């Protein structure tokens, strides 16, 4: 599989486009819809679905426009569906622009999942937010704001929990193969093995 990383918006939140050579998935259409749509046009493959790792505003700011362009179904945790319309929960109330979405998403729970031509595992990794999901493909994960390159997701936002994020990383993500590539919600990719050895927050 090929993955394209687009750091977008004021917080440089990563939007990912996953390709199997025939179809695409979009993960976290974060901001700058024109950039995402332009890249989708360049790739020129149909989009099977749009996945959200969680429902903080900087991860779905371009959702409605990208969904309208692709006509793809949206998937996320049922725990955070109301966050799409609640500016206090999604965090946009703290900033000048209030961000909401009118899409009606499908829900995913922990376990095996299939969206169009893609099969992947859903790992419930709460802590940064209660409905945070990590998506595991063959040799990589998209971890949202749970695990970063030498960092972890903040836990001082609505529904956050330091104990939960540490459990999610130690007992779920760190159990994956060391060579597994981690594509985080912000900053550059890393690997599970590198984080287990060198992450200063959780080893």
Protein backbone atom coordinates (compact mmCIF):
# COMPACT_ATOMS: atom_id res chain seq x y z
CA UNK A 1 0.00 0.00 0.00
CA UNK A 2 1.05 3.58 -0.57
CA UNK A 3 0.32 6.33 1.92
CA UNK A 4 0.40 10.08 1.26
CA UNK A 5 0.80 12.49 4.19
CA UNK A 6 -0.61 16.01 3.96
CA UNK A 7 0.12 18.27 6.98
CA UNK A 8 -2.63 20.87 6.82
CA UNK A 9 -4.13 23.81 8.68
CA UNK A 10 -2.85 25.98 11.50
CA UNK A 11 -1.88 22.94 13.57
CA UNK A 12 -0.35 21.04 10.62
CA UNK A 13 -2.66 18.11 11.29
CA UNK A 14 -1.87 15.15 9.07
CA UNK A 15 -4.43 14.02 6.53
CA UNK A 16 -3.56 10.64 5.05
CA UNK A 17 -4.53 9.16 1.70
CA UNK A 18 -4.11 5.38 1.62
CA UNK A 19 -3.94 3.67 -1.77
CA UNK A 20 -4.05 -0.02 -2.65
CA UNK A 21 -3.32 0.81 -6.27
CA UNK A 22 -6.96 0.69 -7.28
CA UNK A 23 -8.93 2.49 -4.56
CA UNK A 24 -8.33 5.06 -1.84
CA UNK A 25 -9.15 5.79 1.78
CA UNK A 26 -8.93 9.27 3.27
CA UNK A 27 -8.05 9.42 6.96
CA UNK A 28 -8.64 12.64 8.94
CA UNK A 29 -9.50 15.30 6.33
CA UNK A 30 -8.08 17.89 8.65
CA UNK A 31 -8.20 21.25 6.84
CA UNK A 32 -7.59 22.93 3.48
CA UNK A 33 -10.17 20.95 1.53
CA UNK A 34 -8.91 22.31 -1.78
CA UNK A 35 -5.49 20.76 -1.17
CA UNK A 36 -6.98 17.35 -0.28
CA UNK A 37 -9.36 17.39 -3.23
CA UNK A 38 -6.54 18.51 -5.53
CA UNK A 39 -4.40 15.57 -4.42
CA UNK A 40 -7.32 13.16 -4.90
CA UNK A 41 -7.78 14.50 -8.43
CA UNK A 42 -4.06 14.03 -9.10
CA UNK A 43 -4.16 10.42 -7.92
CA UNK A 44 -7.31 9.80 -9.90
CA UNK A 45 -8.65 6.76 -8.05
CA UNK A 46 -12.09 6.34 -6.45
CA UNK A 47 -12.41 6.85 -2.69
CA UNK A 48 -13.96 3.94 -0.79
CA UNK A 49 -14.31 5.71 2.56
CA UNK A 50 -13.26 8.46 4.93
CA UNK A 51 -11.99 7.42 8.37
CA UNK A 52 -11.72 9.66 11.43
CA UNK A 53 -9.26 8.73 14.17
CA UNK A 54 -11.20 11.01 16.53
CA UNK A 55 -13.43 14.06 16.44
CA UNK A 56 -11.28 17.00 17.47
CA UNK A 57 -11.95 19.88 15.10
CA UNK A 58 -8.48 19.90 13.56
CA UNK A 59 -9.00 16.34 12.31
CA UNK A 60 -12.28 16.93 10.46
CA UNK A 61 -12.22 20.58 9.38
CA UNK A 62 -12.38 19.63 5.69
CA UNK A 63 -14.71 16.65 6.15
CA UNK A 64 -17.89 18.02 4.62
CA UNK A 65 -16.21 19.31 1.46
CA UNK A 66 -14.15 16.15 0.95
CA UNK A 67 -17.18 13.96 1.57
CA UNK A 68 -19.24 15.97 -0.91
CA UNK A 69 -16.51 15.63 -3.54
CA UNK A 70 -15.96 11.90 -3.05
CA UNK A 71 -19.50 10.83 -2.07
CA UNK A 72 -17.72 8.37 0.25
CA UNK A 73 -19.11 7.05 3.52
CA UNK A 74 -17.58 8.34 6.76
CA UNK A 75 -16.49 6.04 9.61
CA UNK A 76 -15.60 6.79 13.23
CA UNK A 77 -16.22 5.72 16.83
CA UNK A 78 -19.81 5.90 18.04
CA UNK A 79 -18.49 7.49 21.25
CA UNK A 80 -17.75 10.81 19.57
CA UNK A 81 -20.47 11.24 16.95
CA UNK A 82 -22.01 14.16 18.82
CA UNK A 83 -18.61 15.89 18.88
CA UNK A 84 -19.05 16.69 15.20
CA UNK A 85 -21.70 19.24 16.17
CA UNK A 86 -20.54 20.14 19.69
CA UNK A 87 -17.93 22.91 19.57
CA UNK A 88 -17.10 22.48 23.27
CA UNK A 89 -16.30 18.78 22.90
CA UNK A 90 -14.48 19.07 19.57
CA UNK A 91 -12.39 21.94 20.88
CA UNK A 92 -13.15 24.55 18.26
CA UNK A 93 -14.89 26.75 20.84
CA UNK A 94 -11.41 27.64 22.08
CA UNK A 95 -10.49 29.20 18.76
CA UNK A 96 -11.89 31.93 16.54
CA UNK A 97 -13.58 29.63 14.03
CA UNK A 98 -16.26 27.25 15.27
CA UNK A 99 -16.03 24.00 13.29
CA UNK A 100 -18.83 21.48 12.93
CA UNK A 101 -19.85 18.81 10.43
CA UNK A 102 -23.23 17.79 9.07
CA UNK A 103 -22.22 14.30 7.88
CA UNK A 104 -23.93 11.21 9.22
CA UNK A 105 -21.11 8.76 9.92
CA UNK A 106 -21.04 5.01 10.17
CA UNK A 107 -19.52 3.60 13.34
CA UNK A 108 -16.57 1.30 13.90
CA UNK A 109 -15.73 -0.78 16.94
CA UNK A 110 -12.55 -2.57 17.93
CA UNK A 111 -11.81 -5.57 15.74
CA UNK A 112 -11.56 -6.41 12.05
CA UNK A 113 -13.18 -4.04 9.58
CA UNK A 114 -13.67 -3.75 5.85
CA UNK A 115 -14.43 -0.58 3.90
CA UNK A 116 -14.74 -1.06 0.17
CA UNK A 117 -11.61 -2.81 -1.04
CA UNK A 118 -9.72 -2.29 2.21
CA UNK A 119 -9.42 -4.61 5.19
CA UNK A 120 -7.86 -3.36 8.41
CA UNK A 121 -8.00 -3.67 12.17
CA UNK A 122 -9.61 -1.09 14.44
CA UNK A 123 -7.90 -0.59 17.80
CA UNK A 124 -9.75 1.44 20.43
CA UNK A 125 -7.06 3.65 21.97
CA UNK A 126 -8.71 6.12 24.35
CA UNK A 127 -6.87 8.68 26.42
CA UNK A 128 -6.38 11.66 24.15
CA UNK A 129 -10.13 11.42 23.63
CA UNK A 130 -12.57 8.69 24.69
CA UNK A 131 -13.35 7.55 21.15
CA UNK A 132 -9.85 7.62 19.66
CA UNK A 133 -9.32 4.83 17.14
CA UNK A 134 -6.06 3.56 15.69
CA UNK A 135 -6.27 1.95 12.25
CA UNK A 136 -3.87 -0.93 11.57
CA UNK A 137 -3.10 -1.97 8.02
CA UNK A 138 -0.57 -4.65 7.04
CA UNK A 139 2.65 -3.04 8.20
CA UNK A 140 1.58 0.37 9.48
CA UNK A 141 -0.86 2.12 11.78
CA UNK A 142 -2.51 5.53 11.68
CA UNK A 143 -2.58 6.51 15.32
CA UNK A 144 -4.30 9.90 15.40
CA UNK A 145 -3.20 11.89 18.44
CA UNK A 146 -2.47 8.92 20.70
CA UNK A 147 1.17 8.16 19.87
CA UNK A 148 3.54 10.61 18.23
CA UNK A 149 7.15 10.57 17.12
CA UNK A 150 8.78 10.89 20.58
CA UNK A 151 5.54 12.12 22.10
CA UNK A 152 2.05 11.25 23.27
CA UNK A 153 -1.33 12.92 22.87
CA UNK A 154 -2.31 15.62 25.33
CA UNK A 155 -4.88 14.60 27.92
CA UNK A 156 -6.09 17.97 29.21
CA UNK A 157 -8.91 18.30 26.67
CA UNK A 158 -12.53 17.16 27.12
CA UNK A 159 -12.69 13.46 28.01
CA UNK A 160 -8.92 13.06 28.14
CA UNK A 161 -7.19 10.69 30.56
CA UNK A 162 -3.46 10.28 31.15
CA UNK A 163 -3.96 6.81 32.62
CA UNK A 164 -5.96 5.71 29.58
CA UNK A 165 -3.53 7.06 26.99
CA UNK A 166 -0.65 5.32 28.74
CA UNK A 167 -2.61 2.05 28.85
CA UNK A 168 -3.54 2.39 25.17
CA UNK A 169 0.09 2.83 24.18
CA UNK A 170 1.68 0.26 26.48
CA UNK A 171 -0.92 -2.48 26.30
CA UNK A 172 -2.16 -2.07 22.73
CA UNK A 173 0.21 -0.18 20.43
CA UNK A 174 3.47 -1.36 21.98
CA UNK A 175 2.26 -4.95 21.54
CA UNK A 176 2.50 -4.53 17.77
CA UNK A 177 5.56 -5.64 15.81
CA UNK A 178 8.54 -3.31 16.34
CA UNK A 179 8.89 -2.67 12.62
CA UNK A 180 5.32 -1.34 12.38
CA UNK A 181 5.36 2.18 10.96
CA UNK A 182 3.38 4.74 12.94
CA UNK A 183 1.69 7.55 11.04
CA UNK A 184 0.64 10.06 13.72
CA UNK A 185 -1.85 12.91 13.70
CA UNK A 186 0.93 15.49 13.84
CA UNK A 187 4.60 15.50 12.93
CA UNK A 188 6.54 12.82 11.07
CA UNK A 189 6.24 9.00 10.99
CA UNK A 190 8.09 6.71 13.38
CA UNK A 191 8.04 3.02 14.31
CA UNK A 192 6.75 1.07 17.28
CA UNK A 193 10.26 -0.19 18.04
CA UNK A 194 11.74 3.31 17.98
CA UNK A 195 9.07 4.60 20.33
CA UNK A 196 9.45 1.71 22.77
CA UNK A 197 13.17 2.48 22.97
CA UNK A 198 13.21 6.26 22.78
CA UNK A 199 9.85 7.83 23.61
CA UNK A 200 10.57 9.93 26.74
CA UNK A 201 6.95 9.82 27.94
CA UNK A 202 6.13 6.13 27.80
CA UNK A 203 8.43 3.11 27.46
